[in-house]
N, C-alpha and C. Protein backbone atom coordinates (compact mmCIF):
# COMPACT_ATOMS: atom_id res chain seq x y z
N MET A 1 0.80 -1.12 -0.04
CA MET A 1 -0.14 0.00 -0.03
C MET A 1 0.81 1.27 -0.06
N LEU A 2 1.97 1.25 0.70
CA LEU A 2 3.06 2.32 0.74
C LEU A 2 3.37 2.65 -0.70
N ALA A 3 3.64 1.65 -1.40
CA ALA A 3 4.23 1.80 -2.77
C ALA A 3 3.13 2.57 -3.68
N GLN A 4 1.76 2.23 -3.40
CA GLN A 4 0.76 3.00 -4.14
C GLN A 4 0.61 4.34 -3.67
N VAL A 5 0.82 4.56 -2.44
CA VAL A 5 0.85 5.98 -1.91
C VAL A 5 1.89 6.72 -2.64
N ALA A 6 3.14 6.12 -2.69
CA ALA A 6 4.32 6.72 -3.28
C ALA A 6 4.12 7.04 -4.83
N ASP A 7 3.33 6.18 -5.33
CA ASP A 7 2.96 6.39 -6.87
C ASP A 7 1.88 7.50 -7.01
N GLY A 8 1.23 8.07 -5.94
CA GLY A 8 0.46 9.14 -5.99
C GLY A 8 -1.07 8.62 -6.17
N HIS A 9 -1.32 7.51 -5.95
CA HIS A 9 -2.64 7.17 -5.93
C HIS A 9 -3.56 7.65 -4.71
N SER A 10 -4.86 8.02 -5.02
CA SER A 10 -5.60 8.51 -4.00
C SER A 10 -6.20 7.23 -3.20
N ASP A 11 -6.79 7.46 -1.89
CA ASP A 11 -7.44 6.51 -1.17
C ASP A 11 -8.44 5.75 -2.01
N GLN A 12 -9.35 6.50 -2.83
CA GLN A 12 -10.35 5.70 -3.50
C GLN A 12 -9.77 4.84 -4.62
N GLU A 13 -8.75 5.31 -5.15
CA GLU A 13 -8.01 4.41 -6.23
C GLU A 13 -7.26 3.19 -5.62
N ILE A 14 -6.79 3.51 -4.44
CA ILE A 14 -6.05 2.32 -3.82
C ILE A 14 -7.18 1.35 -3.29
N GLY A 15 -8.20 1.76 -2.80
CA GLY A 15 -9.38 0.96 -2.44
C GLY A 15 -9.81 0.23 -3.59
N PHE A 16 -10.07 0.73 -4.69
CA PHE A 16 -10.59 0.03 -5.98
C PHE A 16 -9.52 -1.09 -6.39
N ARG A 17 -8.37 -0.66 -6.27
CA ARG A 17 -7.25 -1.51 -6.76
C ARG A 17 -7.20 -2.83 -5.99
N LEU A 18 -7.36 -2.61 -4.64
CA LEU A 18 -7.13 -3.73 -3.59
C LEU A 18 -8.47 -4.31 -3.23
N SER A 19 -9.64 -3.78 -3.75
CA SER A 19 -10.94 -4.38 -3.45
C SER A 19 -11.32 -4.27 -1.98
N ILE A 20 -11.02 -3.14 -1.43
CA ILE A 20 -11.31 -2.89 0.04
C ILE A 20 -11.92 -1.31 0.23
N SER A 21 -12.63 -1.14 1.06
CA SER A 21 -13.30 0.15 1.27
C SER A 21 -12.30 1.31 1.49
N THR A 22 -12.70 2.57 1.07
CA THR A 22 -11.99 3.73 1.31
C THR A 22 -11.56 3.90 2.94
N ALA A 23 -12.53 3.60 3.76
CA ALA A 23 -12.33 3.70 5.14
C ALA A 23 -11.22 2.67 5.54
N THR A 24 -11.22 1.57 5.06
CA THR A 24 -10.08 0.59 5.43
C THR A 24 -8.72 1.22 4.92
N VAL A 25 -8.70 1.78 3.71
CA VAL A 25 -7.48 2.31 3.12
C VAL A 25 -6.99 3.44 4.08
N LYS A 26 -8.04 4.31 4.57
CA LYS A 26 -7.58 5.37 5.46
C LYS A 26 -7.01 4.83 6.71
N THR A 27 -7.59 3.86 7.29
CA THR A 27 -7.02 3.12 8.50
C THR A 27 -5.68 2.63 8.24
N ARG A 28 -5.54 1.92 7.25
CA ARG A 28 -4.18 1.22 6.91
C ARG A 28 -3.13 2.28 6.73
N ILE A 29 -3.48 3.29 6.01
CA ILE A 29 -2.49 4.41 5.65
C ILE A 29 -2.13 5.06 6.97
N SER A 30 -3.07 5.47 7.90
CA SER A 30 -2.85 6.00 9.20
C SER A 30 -1.81 4.92 10.02
N ASN A 31 -2.03 3.80 9.87
CA ASN A 31 -1.18 2.84 10.60
C ASN A 31 0.29 2.93 9.97
N LEU A 32 0.31 2.85 8.54
CA LEU A 32 1.72 3.20 8.05
C LEU A 32 2.31 4.36 8.38
N PHE A 33 1.61 5.51 8.44
CA PHE A 33 2.15 6.79 8.81
C PHE A 33 2.77 6.54 10.31
N ALA A 34 1.99 5.95 11.24
CA ALA A 34 2.44 5.82 12.54
C ALA A 34 3.94 4.92 12.60
N LYS A 35 3.73 3.82 11.75
CA LYS A 35 4.95 3.03 11.83
C LYS A 35 6.19 3.62 11.17
N ALA A 36 6.05 4.50 10.06
CA ALA A 36 7.05 5.13 9.48
C ALA A 36 7.57 6.45 10.24
N GLY A 37 6.69 6.91 11.15
CA GLY A 37 6.96 8.16 11.77
C GLY A 37 6.53 9.44 11.01
N ALA A 38 5.73 9.29 10.11
CA ALA A 38 5.33 10.23 9.08
C ALA A 38 4.03 10.99 9.44
N ARG A 39 3.99 12.23 9.19
CA ARG A 39 2.89 13.04 9.47
C ARG A 39 1.96 13.10 8.22
N ASP A 40 2.51 13.03 7.10
CA ASP A 40 1.63 13.09 5.90
C ASP A 40 2.11 12.26 4.69
N ARG A 41 1.44 12.25 3.56
CA ARG A 41 1.95 11.41 2.46
C ARG A 41 3.25 11.64 2.00
N ALA A 42 3.71 13.00 1.98
CA ALA A 42 5.01 13.27 1.49
C ALA A 42 6.21 12.65 2.34
N GLN A 43 5.94 12.64 3.72
CA GLN A 43 6.95 11.90 4.50
C GLN A 43 6.89 10.64 4.30
N ALA A 44 5.77 10.03 4.15
CA ALA A 44 5.55 8.52 3.94
C ALA A 44 6.16 8.31 2.55
N VAL A 45 6.18 9.00 1.60
CA VAL A 45 6.87 8.86 0.31
C VAL A 45 8.50 8.85 0.46
N ARG A 46 8.86 9.83 1.32
CA ARG A 46 10.25 9.85 1.54
C ARG A 46 10.79 8.63 2.30
N TYR A 47 9.96 8.21 3.29
CA TYR A 47 10.33 6.91 3.94
C TYR A 47 10.43 5.77 2.89
N ALA A 48 9.49 5.60 1.92
CA ALA A 48 9.54 4.63 1.13
C ALA A 48 10.76 4.68 0.25
N TYR A 49 11.16 5.85 -0.24
CA TYR A 49 12.47 5.97 -1.04
C TYR A 49 13.52 5.57 -0.13
N GLN A 50 13.66 6.14 1.06
CA GLN A 50 14.97 5.94 1.84
C GLN A 50 15.07 4.30 2.25
N HIS A 51 14.01 3.57 2.22
CA HIS A 51 14.07 2.23 2.79
C HIS A 51 13.80 1.39 1.49
N GLY A 52 13.88 1.82 0.33
CA GLY A 52 14.10 0.91 -0.89
C GLY A 52 12.66 0.26 -1.21
N ILE A 53 11.61 0.77 -0.46
CA ILE A 53 10.28 0.20 -1.07
C ILE A 53 9.92 0.60 -2.42
N VAL A 54 10.15 1.76 -2.92
CA VAL A 54 9.96 2.25 -4.21
C VAL A 54 11.16 2.97 -4.51
N ALA A 55 11.41 3.13 -5.71
CA ALA A 55 12.43 4.04 -6.33
C ALA A 55 12.23 5.34 -6.75
N PRO A 56 12.81 6.42 -6.52
CA PRO A 56 12.49 7.70 -6.91
C PRO A 56 12.48 7.67 -8.44
N PRO A 57 11.63 8.66 -9.01
CA PRO A 57 11.69 8.71 -10.49
C PRO A 57 12.89 8.85 -11.16
N GLY A 58 13.25 7.99 -12.11
CA GLY A 58 14.57 7.95 -12.80
C GLY A 58 15.66 7.04 -12.31
N ARG A 59 15.25 6.50 -11.21
CA ARG A 59 16.24 5.58 -10.57
C ARG A 59 15.60 4.11 -10.48
N THR A 60 16.49 3.07 -10.19
CA THR A 60 16.11 1.76 -9.92
C THR A 60 16.51 1.25 -8.64
N ILE A 61 15.88 0.41 -7.99
CA ILE A 61 16.27 -0.27 -6.77
C ILE A 61 17.26 -1.37 -6.99
N THR A 62 18.48 -1.26 -6.38
CA THR A 62 19.49 -2.31 -6.60
C THR A 62 19.56 -3.18 -5.53
């Protein structure tokens, strides 16, 4: 789910892709923020980049 947040998908888009409700997406994203120590999506994306969960645009994970 963090990878989808990093790709810029909305809660509704993530819910549709995973066949779960938007409320469930919001709960899970909130839990991800807590685990990553992030206040918002931007910080969560930074966490994903730093921990190799997704690669920044123009780069690949090695």
